[in-house]
Amino acid sequence: MRVNQTCYAVVIKRLIENDATIADLAEVSGLHYKTVELMMRTFKSHGLVHISDYLQDLRGRDLFIVYRWGQGKDKKKFCMPSKEKTKIWREKKKMANLHPTSLLSI
C-alpha cells in the first residue's frame, strides 16, 4: 500500500484519540510494521510524539514502545543493574552445580 495522506491521517487520528504501539498503528492503517516504525521515528525526531510507556514481553523486558501524541518527556526503559544480573546468574549457576540431574528430569 502506498503511504499517502490518508494513511498519515489515520495514524495521526489514532494517536490523538489514545496511546498506541507500532503494531496497533500498522493494523489500523494497513501499512507494514517497518513503515509505521519509520513514520514514528520521523514523528519523534520532529517532536510530534513521545514515548509514554513500554509494554513488557513474556520475560518482563520493556520491548514494545507505546507512543503518545504531543510533546512530552520520554519514559525511560527499565534497566537491571549489572550487579543484580551477576547475582542472579551466580545463583542459577550454583543451583545447576548442586543439582545437575534435576534439569534432566524436567
C-alpha atoms as a PDB file:
ATOM      1  CA  MET A   1       0.000   0.000   0.000  1.00  0.00           C
ATOM      2  CA  ARG A   2       1.262   3.474  -0.801  1.00  0.00           C
ATOM      3  CA  VAL A   3       1.910   5.857   2.037  1.00  0.00           C
ATOM      4  CA  ASN A   4      -0.358   8.751   1.220  1.00  0.00           C
ATOM      5  CA  GLN A   5      -2.260  11.471   3.067  1.00  0.00           C
ATOM      6  CA  THR A   6      -4.994   9.033   4.082  1.00  0.00           C
ATOM      7  CA  CYS A   7      -2.512   6.736   5.839  1.00  0.00           C
ATOM      8  CA  TYR A   8      -0.935   9.648   7.676  1.00  0.00           C
ATOM      9  CA  ALA A   9      -4.383  10.922   8.689  1.00  0.00           C
ATOM     10  CA  VAL A  10      -5.417   7.506  10.056  1.00  0.00           C
ATOM     11  CA  VAL A  11      -2.207   7.160  12.077  1.00  0.00           C
ATOM     12  CA  ILE A  12      -2.393  10.701  13.473  1.00  0.00           C
ATOM     13  CA  LYS A  13      -6.095  10.330  14.328  1.00  0.00           C
ATOM     14  CA  ARG A  14      -5.396   7.096  16.219  1.00  0.00           C
ATOM     15  CA  LEU A  15      -2.553   8.732  18.145  1.00  0.00           C
ATOM     16  CA  ILE A  16      -4.676  11.762  19.054  1.00  0.00           C
ATOM     17  CA  GLU A  17      -7.513   9.559  20.330  1.00  0.00           C
ATOM     18  CA  ASN A  18      -5.310   7.404  22.600  1.00  0.00           C
ATOM     19  CA  ASP A  19      -1.861   5.878  23.031  1.00  0.00           C
ATOM     20  CA  ALA A  20      -0.770   3.203  20.573  1.00  0.00           C
ATOM     21  CA  THR A  21       2.011   0.778  19.772  1.00  0.00           C
ATOM     22  CA  ILE A  22       3.527   0.372  16.333  1.00  0.00           C
ATOM     23  CA  ALA A  23       1.587  -2.876  15.875  1.00  0.00           C
ATOM     24  CA  ASP A  24      -1.702  -1.097  16.672  1.00  0.00           C
ATOM     25  CA  LEU A  25      -0.950   1.651  14.173  1.00  0.00           C
ATOM     26  CA  ALA A  26       0.070  -0.844  11.492  1.00  0.00           C
ATOM     27  CA  GLU A  27      -3.183  -2.743  11.958  1.00  0.00           C
ATOM     28  CA  VAL A  28      -5.338   0.400  11.785  1.00  0.00           C
ATOM     29  CA  SER A  29      -3.568   1.968   8.815  1.00  0.00           C
ATOM     30  CA  GLY A  30      -2.914  -1.197   6.815  1.00  0.00           C
ATOM     31  CA  LEU A  31       0.756  -0.297   6.432  1.00  0.00           C
ATOM     32  CA  HIS A  32       3.688  -2.618   7.068  1.00  0.00           C
ATOM     33  CA  TYR A  33       5.168  -2.669  10.584  1.00  0.00           C
ATOM     34  CA  LYS A  34       8.537  -1.282   9.409  1.00  0.00           C
ATOM     35  CA  THR A  35       6.837   1.550   7.508  1.00  0.00           C
ATOM     36  CA  VAL A  36       4.946   2.618  10.627  1.00  0.00           C
ATOM     37  CA  GLU A  37       8.124   2.261  12.689  1.00  0.00           C
ATOM     38  CA  LEU A  38       9.949   4.639  10.331  1.00  0.00           C
ATOM     39  CA  MET A  39       6.973   7.024  10.457  1.00  0.00           C
ATOM     40  CA  MET A  40       7.076   7.046  14.282  1.00  0.00           C
ATOM     41  CA  ARG A  41      10.830   7.691  14.293  1.00  0.00           C
ATOM     42  CA  THR A  42      10.265  10.648  11.972  1.00  0.00           C
ATOM     43  CA  PHE A  43       7.401  11.971  14.113  1.00  0.00           C
ATOM     44  CA  LYS A  44       9.557  11.584  17.226  1.00  0.00           C
ATOM     45  CA  SER A  45      12.540  13.385  15.681  1.00  0.00           C
ATOM     46  CA  HIS A  46      10.251  16.332  14.851  1.00  0.00           C
ATOM     47  CA  GLY A  47       8.736  16.369  18.344  1.00  0.00           C
ATOM     48  CA  LEU A  48       5.225  15.292  17.339  1.00  0.00           C
ATOM     49  CA  VAL A  49       5.094  12.178  19.556  1.00  0.00           C
ATOM     50  CA  HIS A  50       6.822  10.915  22.675  1.00  0.00           C
ATOM     51  CA  ILE A  51       7.233   7.567  24.430  1.00  0.00           C
ATOM     52  CA  SER A  52       4.614   7.325  27.158  1.00  0.00           C
ATOM     53  CA  ASP A  53       5.140   3.728  28.257  1.00  0.00           C
ATOM     54  CA  TYR A  54       6.614   0.344  27.418  1.00  0.00           C
ATOM     55  CA  LEU A  55       4.750  -2.947  27.228  1.00  0.00           C
ATOM     56  CA  GLN A  56       6.607  -5.968  28.522  1.00  0.00           C
ATOM     57  CA  ASP A  57       7.147  -9.274  26.767  1.00  0.00           C
ATOM     58  CA  LEU A  58       6.752 -12.645  28.480  1.00  0.00           C
ATOM     59  CA  ARG A  59      10.190 -12.371  30.094  1.00  0.00           C
ATOM     60  CA  GLY A  60       9.372  -8.992  31.641  1.00  0.00           C
ATOM     61  CA  ARG A  61      11.571  -6.914  29.334  1.00  0.00           C
ATOM     62  CA  ASP A  62      10.436  -3.492  28.122  1.00  0.00           C
ATOM     63  CA  LEU A  63      10.067  -4.318  24.459  1.00  0.00           C
ATOM     64  CA  PHE A  64       7.038  -2.645  22.861  1.00  0.00           C
ATOM     65  CA  ILE A  65       7.026   1.159  22.733  1.00  0.00           C
ATOM     66  CA  VAL A  66       3.746   2.963  23.431  1.00  0.00           C
ATOM     67  CA  TYR A  67       3.580   6.352  21.711  1.00  0.00           C
ATOM     68  CA  ARG A  68       1.505   9.369  22.749  1.00  0.00           C
ATOM     69  CA  TRP A  69       0.679  12.350  20.540  1.00  0.00           C
ATOM     70  CA  GLY A  70       2.239  15.659  21.545  1.00  0.00           C
ATOM     71  CA  GLN A  71       5.398  16.839  23.185  1.00  0.00           C
ATOM     72  CA  GLY A  72       6.463  15.349  26.477  1.00  0.00           C
ATOM     73  CA  LYS A  73       9.225  13.641  28.345  1.00  0.00           C
ATOM     74  CA  ASP A  74      10.049  10.107  27.191  1.00  0.00           C
ATOM     75  CA  LYS A  75       9.692   7.329  29.729  1.00  0.00           C
ATOM     76  CA  LYS A  76      12.965   5.546  30.429  1.00  0.00           C
ATOM     77  CA  LYS A  77      13.363   1.821  29.903  1.00  0.00           C
ATOM     78  CA  PHE A  78      13.853  -0.351  32.961  1.00  0.00           C
ATOM     79  CA  CYS A  79      17.473  -1.457  33.141  1.00  0.00           C
ATOM     80  CA  MET A  80      18.588  -4.003  35.708  1.00  0.00           C
ATOM     81  CA  PRO A  81      21.966  -3.090  37.224  1.00  0.00           C
ATOM     82  CA  SER A  82      24.823  -5.362  36.204  1.00  0.00           C
ATOM     83  CA  LYS A  83      25.464  -6.224  39.865  1.00  0.00           C
ATOM     84  CA  GLU A  84      21.941  -7.640  40.133  1.00  0.00           C
ATOM     85  CA  LYS A  85      22.274  -9.521  36.829  1.00  0.00           C
ATOM     86  CA  THR A  86      25.512 -11.107  38.052  1.00  0.00           C
ATOM     87  CA  LYS A  87      23.869 -12.114  41.332  1.00  0.00           C
ATOM     88  CA  ILE A  88      21.021 -13.890  39.511  1.00  0.00           C
ATOM     89  CA  TRP A  89      23.450 -15.600  37.139  1.00  0.00           C
ATOM     90  CA  ARG A  90      25.589 -16.861  40.035  1.00  0.00           C
ATOM     91  CA  GLU A  91      22.511 -18.219  41.840  1.00  0.00           C
ATOM     92  CA  LYS A  92      21.438 -20.118  38.716  1.00  0.00           C
ATOM     93  CA  LYS A  93      24.936 -21.491  38.245  1.00  0.00           C
ATOM     94  CA  LYS A  94      25.099 -22.570  41.891  1.00  0.00           C
ATOM     95  CA  MET A  95      21.723 -24.352  41.638  1.00  0.00           C
ATOM     96  CA  ALA A  96      22.856 -26.150  38.480  1.00  0.00           C
ATOM     97  CA  ASN A  97      26.027 -27.349  40.227  1.00  0.00           C
ATOM     98  CA  LEU A  98      24.116 -28.539  43.303  1.00  0.00           C
ATOM     99  CA  HIS A  99      21.507 -30.457  41.336  1.00  0.00           C
ATOM    100  CA  PRO A 100      22.966 -31.409  37.928  1.00  0.00           C
ATOM    101  CA  THR A 101      20.410 -34.193  37.345  1.00  0.00           C
ATOM    102  CA  SER A 102      17.385 -32.100  38.261  1.00  0.00           C
ATOM    103  CA  LEU A 103      17.482 -30.372  34.887  1.00  0.00           C
ATOM    104  CA  LEU A 104      17.362 -33.711  33.072  1.00  0.00           C
ATOM    105  CA  SER A 105      14.246 -34.913  34.874  1.00  0.00           C
ATOM    106  CA  ILE A 106      12.135 -31.978  33.703  1.00  0.00           C
END
